[in-house]
């Protein structure tokens, strides 16, 4: 009973203080401050984001467009060849004829021809003989690729590297002598020259890359410098040739 009376008394005092404007302790939780954004302001923010994205997209598009810009075509033609003049020399890019025997010019209009470019004689089915002048310093990859009736070609002493796929699929080539100026025969240079029977490689050649004579299924006579003495490297260069099997047996035996 006393406890109940005390509770009533405390309740009465609290009510009295509140009615009289007393300083009752404030125990309410603080209100969270909120920042209101009007619809107009929200629209402006979204528009700004869209502008930034559009500017980025436009910049990306301009960059891609600049990257996709092709270099100007400087190709010229004399009716027999298409070629590019680069300063004081010419690079052949395409043979336009269909003759069985071709003597490549050493110059055109007084400018020296120095490079037989990629695919210049690609798949020239009628070509049987090609004479390359000493002005040529580079025969690029695939230059004579797939000339399946090519039986005779000279490689001048001015050539230092026979590039990859330069003579691949030249199935009618039976014999070739590589000049002493050559130091490297690149990967697949004579790939699948299935008619090739004999090859003479001079001491000047210090590197024959993998697959250089791969698939030369008639190659049985090879003159190879003595410094090529790693059987694994020789196998990789002359894989699938009768010469390798005759000298070393089947690989791995």
C-alpha atoms as a PDB file:
ATOM      1  CA  UNK A   1       0.000   0.000   0.000  1.00  0.00           C
ATOM      2  CA  UNK A   2       2.825   2.366   0.837  1.00  0.00           C
ATOM      3  CA  UNK A   3       4.515   1.496  -2.446  1.00  0.00           C
ATOM      4  CA  UNK A   4       1.348   2.236  -4.394  1.00  0.00           C
ATOM      5  CA  UNK A   5       0.921   5.605  -2.598  1.00  0.00           C
ATOM      6  CA  UNK A   6       4.520   6.609  -3.456  1.00  0.00           C
ATOM      7  CA  UNK A   7       4.008   5.873  -7.143  1.00  0.00           C
ATOM      8  CA  UNK A   8       0.866   8.041  -7.225  1.00  0.00           C
ATOM      9  CA  UNK A   9       2.721  10.869  -5.552  1.00  0.00           C
ATOM     10  CA  UNK A  10       5.567  10.798  -8.060  1.00  0.00           C
ATOM     11  CA  UNK A  11       3.103  10.770 -10.950  1.00  0.00           C
ATOM     12  CA  UNK A  12       1.291  13.777  -9.483  1.00  0.00           C
ATOM     13  CA  UNK A  13       4.553  15.746  -9.116  1.00  0.00           C
ATOM     14  CA  UNK A  14       5.549  15.043 -12.740  1.00  0.00           C
ATOM     15  CA  UNK A  15       2.160  16.218 -13.956  1.00  0.00           C
ATOM     16  CA  UNK A  16       2.415  19.385 -11.881  1.00  0.00           C
ATOM     17  CA  UNK A  17       5.873  20.264 -13.207  1.00  0.00           C
ATOM     18  CA  UNK A  18       4.724  19.751 -16.762  1.00  0.00           C
ATOM     19  CA  UNK A  19       1.696  21.984 -16.271  1.00  0.00           C
ATOM     20  CA  UNK A  20       3.779  24.701 -14.671  1.00  0.00           C
ATOM     21  CA  UNK A  21       6.401  24.761 -17.411  1.00  0.00           C
ATOM     22  CA  UNK A  22       9.004  23.134 -15.212  1.00  0.00           C
ATOM     23  CA  UNK A  23      12.300  21.920 -16.572  1.00  0.00           C
ATOM     24  CA  UNK A  24      11.628  18.211 -16.789  1.00  0.00           C
ATOM     25  CA  UNK A  25      14.550  16.224 -18.151  1.00  0.00           C
ATOM     26  CA  UNK A  26      14.344  15.634 -21.872  1.00  0.00           C
ATOM     27  CA  UNK A  27      14.691  11.924 -22.493  1.00  0.00           C
ATOM     28  CA  UNK A  28      13.361  11.850 -26.055  1.00  0.00           C
ATOM     29  CA  UNK A  29      15.688  10.523 -28.817  1.00  0.00           C
ATOM     30  CA  UNK A  30      17.273  13.166 -31.054  1.00  0.00           C
ATOM     31  CA  UNK A  31      15.570  13.641 -34.382  1.00  0.00           C
ATOM     32  CA  UNK A  32      17.557  12.649 -37.506  1.00  0.00           C
ATOM     33  CA  UNK A  33      18.330  15.542 -39.805  1.00  0.00           C
ATOM     34  CA  UNK A  34      17.181  14.890 -43.344  1.00  0.00           C
ATOM     35  CA  UNK A  35      18.216  16.780 -46.487  1.00  0.00           C
ATOM     36  CA  UNK A  36      15.380  17.022 -48.889  1.00  0.00           C
ATOM     37  CA  UNK A  37      16.161  17.109 -52.602  1.00  0.00           C
ATOM     38  CA  UNK A  38      13.523  18.609 -54.812  1.00  0.00           C
ATOM     39  CA  UNK A  39      12.496  16.926 -58.023  1.00  0.00           C
ATOM     40  CA  UNK A  40      14.122  19.709 -60.034  1.00  0.00           C
ATOM     41  CA  UNK A  41      17.451  19.278 -58.265  1.00  0.00           C
ATOM     42  CA  UNK A  42      17.275  15.494 -58.703  1.00  0.00           C
ATOM     43  CA  UNK A  43      16.631  15.962 -62.439  1.00  0.00           C
ATOM     44  CA  UNK A  44      19.653  18.292 -62.702  1.00  0.00           C
ATOM     45  CA  UNK A  45      21.885  15.709 -61.019  1.00  0.00           C
ATOM     46  CA  UNK A  46      20.678  12.975 -63.365  1.00  0.00           C
ATOM     47  CA  UNK A  47      21.212  15.233 -66.395  1.00  0.00           C
ATOM     48  CA  UNK A  48      24.764  16.029 -65.227  1.00  0.00           C
ATOM     49  CA  UNK A  49      25.489  12.301 -64.923  1.00  0.00           C
ATOM     50  CA  UNK A  50      24.101  11.731 -68.407  1.00  0.00           C
ATOM     51  CA  UNK A  51      26.268  14.535 -69.826  1.00  0.00           C
ATOM     52  CA  UNK A  52      29.382  13.049 -68.222  1.00  0.00           C
ATOM     53  CA  UNK A  53      28.563   9.611 -69.645  1.00  0.00           C
ATOM     54  CA  UNK A  54      27.864  11.098 -73.086  1.00  0.00           C
ATOM     55  CA  UNK A  55      31.177  12.971 -73.013  1.00  0.00           C
ATOM     56  CA  UNK A  56      33.018   9.759 -72.052  1.00  0.00           C
ATOM     57  CA  UNK A  57      31.221   7.801 -74.784  1.00  0.00           C
ATOM     58  CA  UNK A  58      32.056  10.457 -77.359  1.00  0.00           C
ATOM     59  CA  UNK A  59      35.709  10.461 -76.274  1.00  0.00           C
ATOM     60  CA  UNK A  60      35.851   6.659 -76.489  1.00  0.00           C
ATOM     61  CA  UNK A  61      34.238   6.740 -79.945  1.00  0.00           C
ATOM     62  CA  UNK A  62      36.690   9.367 -81.186  1.00  0.00           C
ATOM     63  CA  UNK A  63      39.604   7.307 -79.858  1.00  0.00           C
ATOM     64  CA  UNK A  64      38.329   4.155 -81.568  1.00  0.00           C
ATOM     65  CA  UNK A  65      37.691   6.080 -84.786  1.00  0.00           C
ATOM     66  CA  UNK A  66      41.253   7.425 -84.758  1.00  0.00           C
ATOM     67  CA  UNK A  67      42.637   3.938 -84.139  1.00  0.00           C
ATOM     68  CA  UNK A  68      40.553   2.502 -86.990  1.00  0.00           C
ATOM     69  CA  UNK A  69      41.804   5.073 -89.461  1.00  0.00           C
ATOM     70  CA  UNK A  70      43.651   3.269 -92.211  1.00  0.00           C
ATOM     71  CA  UNK A  71      46.964   4.478 -93.479  1.00  0.00           C
ATOM     72  CA  UNK A  72      46.764   6.082 -96.909  1.00  0.00           C
ATOM     73  CA  UNK A  73      47.150   3.626 -99.789  1.00  0.00           C
ATOM     74  CA  UNK A  74      50.401   4.432-101.591  1.00  0.00           C
ATOM     75  CA  UNK A  75      50.149   1.485-103.965  1.00  0.00           C
ATOM     76  CA  UNK A  76      51.144   2.123-107.563  1.00  0.00           C
ATOM     77  CA  UNK A  77      51.037  -0.091-110.625  1.00  0.00           C
ATOM     78  CA  UNK A  78      52.991  -0.475-113.869  1.00  0.00           C
ATOM     79  CA  UNK A  79      50.631  -3.053-115.306  1.00  0.00           C
ATOM     80  CA  UNK A  80      52.835  -6.000-114.348  1.00  0.00           C
ATOM     81  CA  UNK A  81      53.245  -5.361-110.624  1.00  0.00           C
ATOM     82  CA  UNK A  82      51.592  -3.425-107.873  1.00  0.00           C
ATOM     83  CA  UNK A  83      54.179  -1.833-105.609  1.00  0.00           C
ATOM     84  CA  UNK A  84      54.885   0.788-102.976  1.00  0.00           C
ATOM     85  CA  UNK A  85      57.610   3.403-103.327  1.00  0.00           C
ATOM     86  CA  UNK A  86      59.297   4.057 -99.999  1.00  0.00           C
ATOM     87  CA  UNK A  87      61.960   6.706-100.382  1.00  0.00           C
ATOM     88  CA  UNK A  88      64.718   5.297-102.562  1.00  0.00           C
ATOM     89  CA  UNK A  89      63.416   1.750-102.821  1.00  0.00           C
ATOM     90  CA  UNK A  90      60.377  -0.218-103.960  1.00  0.00           C
ATOM     91  CA  UNK A  91      58.464  -3.037-102.330  1.00  0.00           C
ATOM     92  CA  UNK A  92      56.524  -5.303-104.667  1.00  0.00           C
ATOM     93  CA  UNK A  93      53.077  -6.186-103.332  1.00  0.00           C
ATOM     94  CA  UNK A  94      51.367  -8.143-106.129  1.00  0.00           C
ATOM     95  CA  UNK A  95      52.269  -9.781-109.426  1.00  0.00           C
ATOM     96  CA  UNK A  96      49.538  -9.042-111.960  1.00  0.00           C
ATOM     97  CA  UNK A  97      50.651 -11.386-114.760  1.00  0.00           C
ATOM     98  CA  UNK A  98      50.286 -15.111-115.351  1.00  0.00           C
ATOM     99  CA  UNK A  99      53.537 -16.020-117.108  1.00  0.00           C
ATOM    100  CA  UNK A 100      55.286 -19.343-116.515  1.00  0.00           C
ATOM    101  CA  UNK A 101      58.714 -17.669-116.277  1.00  0.00           C
ATOM    102  CA  UNK A 102      59.243 -14.381-114.481  1.00  0.00           C
ATOM    103  CA  UNK A 103      62.331 -12.202-114.150  1.00  0.00           C
ATOM    104  CA  UNK A 104      61.700  -9.792-111.314  1.00  0.00           C
ATOM    105  CA  UNK A 105      62.880  -6.267-112.193  1.00  0.00           C
ATOM    106  CA  UNK A 106      65.774  -4.737-110.288  1.00  0.00           C
ATOM    107  CA  UNK A 107      64.208  -1.272-110.631  1.00  0.00           C
ATOM    108  CA  UNK A 108      61.035   0.446-111.739  1.00  0.00           C
ATOM    109  CA  UNK A 109      61.219   3.971-113.201  1.00  0.00           C
ATOM    110  CA  UNK A 110      64.754   4.325-111.898  1.00  0.00           C
ATOM    111  CA  UNK A 111      63.894   3.292-108.314  1.00  0.00           C
ATOM    112  CA  UNK A 112      65.535   0.122-106.980  1.00  0.00           C
ATOM    113  CA  UNK A 113      63.307  -2.869-106.163  1.00  0.00           C
ATOM    114  CA  UNK A 114      64.522  -4.267-102.834  1.00  0.00           C
ATOM    115  CA  UNK A 115      61.616  -6.190-101.270  1.00  0.00           C
ATOM    116  CA  UNK A 116      59.286  -8.918-102.502  1.00  0.00           C
ATOM    117  CA  UNK A 117      56.358  -8.347-100.188  1.00  0.00           C
ATOM    118  CA  UNK A 118      53.941 -10.736 -98.558  1.00  0.00           C
ATOM    119  CA  UNK A 119      51.708 -12.641-100.998  1.00  0.00           C
ATOM    120  CA  UNK A 120      53.297 -10.993-104.069  1.00  0.00           C
ATOM    121  CA  UNK A 121      53.187 -14.289-105.982  1.00  0.00           C
ATOM    122  CA  UNK A 122      50.696 -16.056-103.732  1.00  0.00           C
ATOM    123  CA  UNK A 123      49.045 -19.011-105.498  1.00  0.00           C
ATOM    124  CA  UNK A 124      50.385 -18.076-108.948  1.00  0.00           C
ATOM    125  CA  UNK A 125      49.429 -21.407-110.476  1.00  0.00           C
ATOM    126  CA  UNK A 126      51.214 -20.912-113.812  1.00  0.00           C
ATOM    127  CA  UNK A 127      54.548 -19.823-112.346  1.00  0.00           C
ATOM    128  CA  UNK A 128      57.318 -22.363-112.973  1.00  0.00           C
ATOM    129  CA  UNK A 129      60.494 -20.272-112.790  1.00  0.00           C
ATOM    130  CA  UNK A 130      61.348 -17.054-110.987  1.00  0.00           C
ATOM    131  CA  UNK A 131      64.612 -15.138-111.351  1.00  0.00           C
ATOM    132  CA  UNK A 132      65.314 -12.815-108.430  1.00  0.00           C
ATOM    133  CA  UNK A 133      67.816  -9.963-108.969  1.00  0.00           C
ATOM    134  CA  UNK A 134      70.623  -9.029-106.588  1.00  0.00           C
ATOM    135  CA  UNK A 135      68.809  -5.812-105.718  1.00  0.00           C
ATOM    136  CA  UNK A 136      66.413  -7.832-103.537  1.00  0.00           C
ATOM    137  CA  UNK A 137      67.385  -7.846 -99.864  1.00  0.00           C
ATOM    138  CA  UNK A 138      64.176  -9.268 -98.403  1.00  0.00           C
ATOM    139  CA  UNK A 139      61.665 -11.928 -99.424  1.00  0.00           C
ATOM    140  CA  UNK A 140      58.772 -11.607 -97.027  1.00  0.00           C
ATOM    141  CA  UNK A 141      56.676 -14.450 -95.651  1.00  0.00           C
ATOM    142  CA  UNK A 142      54.143 -15.998 -98.083  1.00  0.00           C
ATOM    143  CA  UNK A 143      55.819 -14.224-101.035  1.00  0.00           C
ATOM    144  CA  UNK A 144      55.753 -17.429-103.129  1.00  0.00           C
ATOM    145  CA  UNK A 145      53.341 -19.431-101.003  1.00  0.00           C
ATOM    146  CA  UNK A 146      51.193 -22.012-102.833  1.00  0.00           C
ATOM    147  CA  UNK A 147      53.002 -21.649-106.165  1.00  0.00           C
ATOM    148  CA  UNK A 148      52.398 -25.345-106.741  1.00  0.00           C
ATOM    149  CA  UNK A 149      54.049 -25.514-110.188  1.00  0.00           C
ATOM    150  CA  UNK A 150      57.185 -23.575-109.240  1.00  0.00           C
ATOM    151  CA  UNK A 151      60.156 -25.802-110.100  1.00  0.00           C
ATOM    152  CA  UNK A 152      63.073 -23.365-110.224  1.00  0.00           C
ATOM    153  CA  UNK A 153      63.975 -20.305-108.194  1.00  0.00           C
ATOM    154  CA  UNK A 154      67.244 -18.621-107.279  1.00  0.00           C
ATOM    155  CA  UNK A 155      67.857 -16.985-103.921  1.00  0.00           C
ATOM    156  CA  UNK A 156      70.411 -14.166-104.349  1.00  0.00           C
ATOM    157  CA  UNK A 157      73.402 -13.592-102.070  1.00  0.00           C
ATOM    158  CA  UNK A 158      71.763 -10.398-100.804  1.00  0.00           C
ATOM    159  CA  UNK A 159      69.197 -12.330 -98.741  1.00  0.00           C
ATOM    160  CA  UNK A 160      70.005 -12.924 -95.059  1.00  0.00           C
ATOM    161  CA  UNK A 161      66.739 -14.435 -93.827  1.00  0.00           C
ATOM    162  CA  UNK A 162      64.236 -16.737 -95.507  1.00  0.00           C
ATOM    163  CA  UNK A 163      61.027 -15.752 -93.796  1.00  0.00           C
ATOM    164  CA  UNK A 164      58.230 -17.991 -92.608  1.00  0.00           C
ATOM    165  CA  UNK A 165      55.912 -19.524 -95.213  1.00  0.00           C
ATOM    166  CA  UNK A 166      57.940 -17.882 -97.990  1.00  0.00           C
ATOM    167  CA  UNK A 167      57.792 -21.078-100.076  1.00  0.00           C
ATOM    168  CA  UNK A 168      55.210 -23.220 -98.316  1.00  0.00           C
ATOM    169  CA  UNK A 169      53.159 -25.571-100.478  1.00  0.00           C
ATOM    170  CA  UNK A 170      55.570 -25.150-103.415  1.00  0.00           C
ATOM    171  CA  UNK A 171      55.090 -28.810-104.174  1.00  0.00           C
ATOM    172  CA  UNK A 172      57.034 -28.872-107.467  1.00  0.00           C
ATOM    173  CA  UNK A 173      60.312 -27.555-106.055  1.00  0.00           C
ATOM    174  CA  UNK A 174      62.719 -30.499-106.104  1.00  0.00           C
ATOM    175  CA  UNK A 175      66.074 -28.925-105.249  1.00  0.00           C
ATOM    176  CA  UNK A 176      67.235 -25.647-103.772  1.00  0.00           C
ATOM    177  CA  UNK A 177      70.597 -24.199-102.779  1.00  0.00           C
ATOM    178  CA  UNK A 178      70.594 -21.622-100.027  1.00  0.00           C
ATOM    179  CA  UNK A 179      73.295 -18.942-100.456  1.00  0.00           C
ATOM    180  CA  UNK A 180      75.982 -18.287 -97.849  1.00  0.00           C
ATOM    181  CA  UNK A 181      74.466 -14.881 -97.078  1.00  0.00           C
ATOM    182  CA  UNK A 182      71.541 -16.555 -95.297  1.00  0.00           C
ATOM    183  CA  UNK A 183      71.871 -16.812 -91.517  1.00  0.00           C
ATOM    184  CA  UNK A 184      68.329 -17.798 -90.542  1.00  0.00           C
ATOM    185  CA  UNK A 185      65.543 -19.958 -91.943  1.00  0.00           C
ATOM    186  CA  UNK A 186      62.312 -19.077 -90.216  1.00  0.00           C
ATOM    187  CA  UNK A 187      59.443 -21.256 -89.071  1.00  0.00           C
ATOM    188  CA  UNK A 188      57.575 -23.044 -91.887  1.00  0.00           C
ATOM    189  CA  UNK A 189      59.676 -21.412 -94.614  1.00  0.00           C
ATOM    190  CA  UNK A 190      59.427 -24.571 -96.771  1.00  0.00           C
ATOM    191  CA  UNK A 191      56.396 -26.137 -95.098  1.00  0.00           C
ATOM    192  CA  UNK A 192      54.804 -28.976 -97.096  1.00  0.00           C
ATOM    193  CA  UNK A 193      57.134 -28.670-100.088  1.00  0.00           C
ATOM    194  CA  UNK A 194      56.342 -32.294-100.764  1.00  0.00           C
ATOM    195  CA  UNK A 195      58.413 -32.504-103.976  1.00  0.00           C
ATOM    196  CA  UNK A 196      61.615 -31.178-102.403  1.00  0.00           C
ATOM    197  CA  UNK A 197      64.279 -33.912-102.528  1.00  0.00           C
ATOM    198  CA  UNK A 198      67.545 -32.101-101.841  1.00  0.00           C
ATOM    199  CA  UNK A 199      68.567 -29.067 -99.804  1.00  0.00           C
ATOM    200  CA  UNK A 200      72.036 -27.619 -99.212  1.00  0.00           C
ATOM    201  CA  UNK A 201      72.319 -25.458 -96.103  1.00  0.00           C
ATOM    202  CA  UNK A 202      75.580 -23.470 -95.795  1.00  0.00           C
ATOM    203  CA  UNK A 203      77.636 -22.941 -92.640  1.00  0.00           C
ATOM    204  CA  UNK A 204      76.433 -19.334 -92.494  1.00  0.00           C
ATOM    205  CA  UNK A 205      73.009 -20.549 -91.310  1.00  0.00           C
ATOM    206  CA  UNK A 206      72.997 -20.481 -87.517  1.00  0.00           C
ATOM    207  CA  UNK A 207      69.278 -20.903 -86.889  1.00  0.00           C
ATOM    208  CA  UNK A 208      66.622 -23.124 -88.425  1.00  0.00           C
ATOM    209  CA  UNK A 209      63.304 -22.582 -86.710  1.00  0.00           C
ATOM    210  CA  UNK A 210      60.746 -25.266 -85.858  1.00  0.00           C
ATOM    211  CA  UNK A 211      58.851 -26.645 -88.823  1.00  0.00           C
ATOM    212  CA  UNK A 212      61.092 -25.007 -91.442  1.00  0.00           C
ATOM    213  CA  UNK A 213      61.045 -28.197 -93.551  1.00  0.00           C
ATOM    214  CA  UNK A 214      58.134 -29.950 -91.914  1.00  0.00           C
ATOM    215  CA  UNK A 215      56.021 -31.997 -94.281  1.00  0.00           C
ATOM    216  CA  UNK A 216      58.713 -32.196 -96.982  1.00  0.00           C
ATOM    217  CA  UNK A 217      57.828 -35.825 -97.487  1.00  0.00           C
ATOM    218  CA  UNK A 218      60.321 -36.432-100.330  1.00  0.00           C
ATOM    219  CA  UNK A 219      63.314 -34.768 -98.679  1.00  0.00           C
ATOM    220  CA  UNK A 220      66.006 -37.428 -98.455  1.00  0.00           C
ATOM    221  CA  UNK A 221      69.236 -35.507 -99.159  1.00  0.00           C
ATOM    222  CA  UNK A 222      70.219 -32.741 -96.725  1.00  0.00           C
ATOM    223  CA  UNK A 223      73.577 -31.028 -96.353  1.00  0.00           C
ATOM    224  CA  UNK A 224      73.567 -29.618 -92.833  1.00  0.00           C
ATOM    225  CA  UNK A 225      76.337 -27.631 -91.059  1.00  0.00           C
ATOM    226  CA  UNK A 226      78.154 -29.477 -88.279  1.00  0.00           C
ATOM    227  CA  UNK A 227      77.135 -26.929 -85.661  1.00  0.00           C
ATOM    228  CA  UNK A 228      73.604 -28.338 -85.827  1.00  0.00           C
ATOM    229  CA  UNK A 229      74.103 -31.222 -83.437  1.00  0.00           C
ATOM    230  CA  UNK A 230      71.035 -31.145 -81.204  1.00  0.00           C
ATOM    231  CA  UNK A 231      68.798 -33.977 -82.319  1.00  0.00           C
ATOM    232  CA  UNK A 232      65.686 -32.396 -80.834  1.00  0.00           C
ATOM    233  CA  UNK A 233      66.238 -29.149 -82.730  1.00  0.00           C
ATOM    234  CA  UNK A 234      66.966 -31.036 -85.936  1.00  0.00           C
ATOM    235  CA  UNK A 235      63.816 -33.097 -85.536  1.00  0.00           C
ATOM    236  CA  UNK A 236      61.660 -30.005 -84.985  1.00  0.00           C
ATOM    237  CA  UNK A 237      63.069 -28.401 -88.134  1.00  0.00           C
ATOM    238  CA  UNK A 238      62.857 -31.538 -90.321  1.00  0.00           C
ATOM    239  CA  UNK A 239      59.847 -33.341 -88.883  1.00  0.00           C
ATOM    240  CA  UNK A 240      58.106 -35.792 -91.217  1.00  0.00           C
ATOM    241  CA  UNK A 241      61.017 -36.038 -93.675  1.00  0.00           C
ATOM    242  CA  UNK A 242      62.605 -39.279 -94.897  1.00  0.00           C
ATOM    243  CA  UNK A 243      66.064 -37.746 -94.330  1.00  0.00           C
ATOM    244  CA  UNK A 244      65.526 -37.449 -90.586  1.00  0.00           C
ATOM    245  CA  UNK A 245      64.245 -40.999 -90.285  1.00  0.00           C
ATOM    246  CA  UNK A 246      67.125 -42.329 -92.362  1.00  0.00           C
ATOM    247  CA  UNK A 247      69.773 -40.590 -90.212  1.00  0.00           C
ATOM    248  CA  UNK A 248      68.188 -40.708 -86.763  1.00  0.00           C
ATOM    249  CA  UNK A 249      65.400 -43.250 -87.003  1.00  0.00           C
ATOM    250  CA  UNK A 250      61.899 -42.445 -85.875  1.00  0.00           C
ATOM    251  CA  UNK A 251      61.829 -39.692 -83.309  1.00  0.00           C
ATOM    252  CA  UNK A 252      62.143 -40.930 -79.734  1.00  0.00           C
ATOM    253  CA  UNK A 253      63.731 -44.278 -80.570  1.00  0.00           C
END
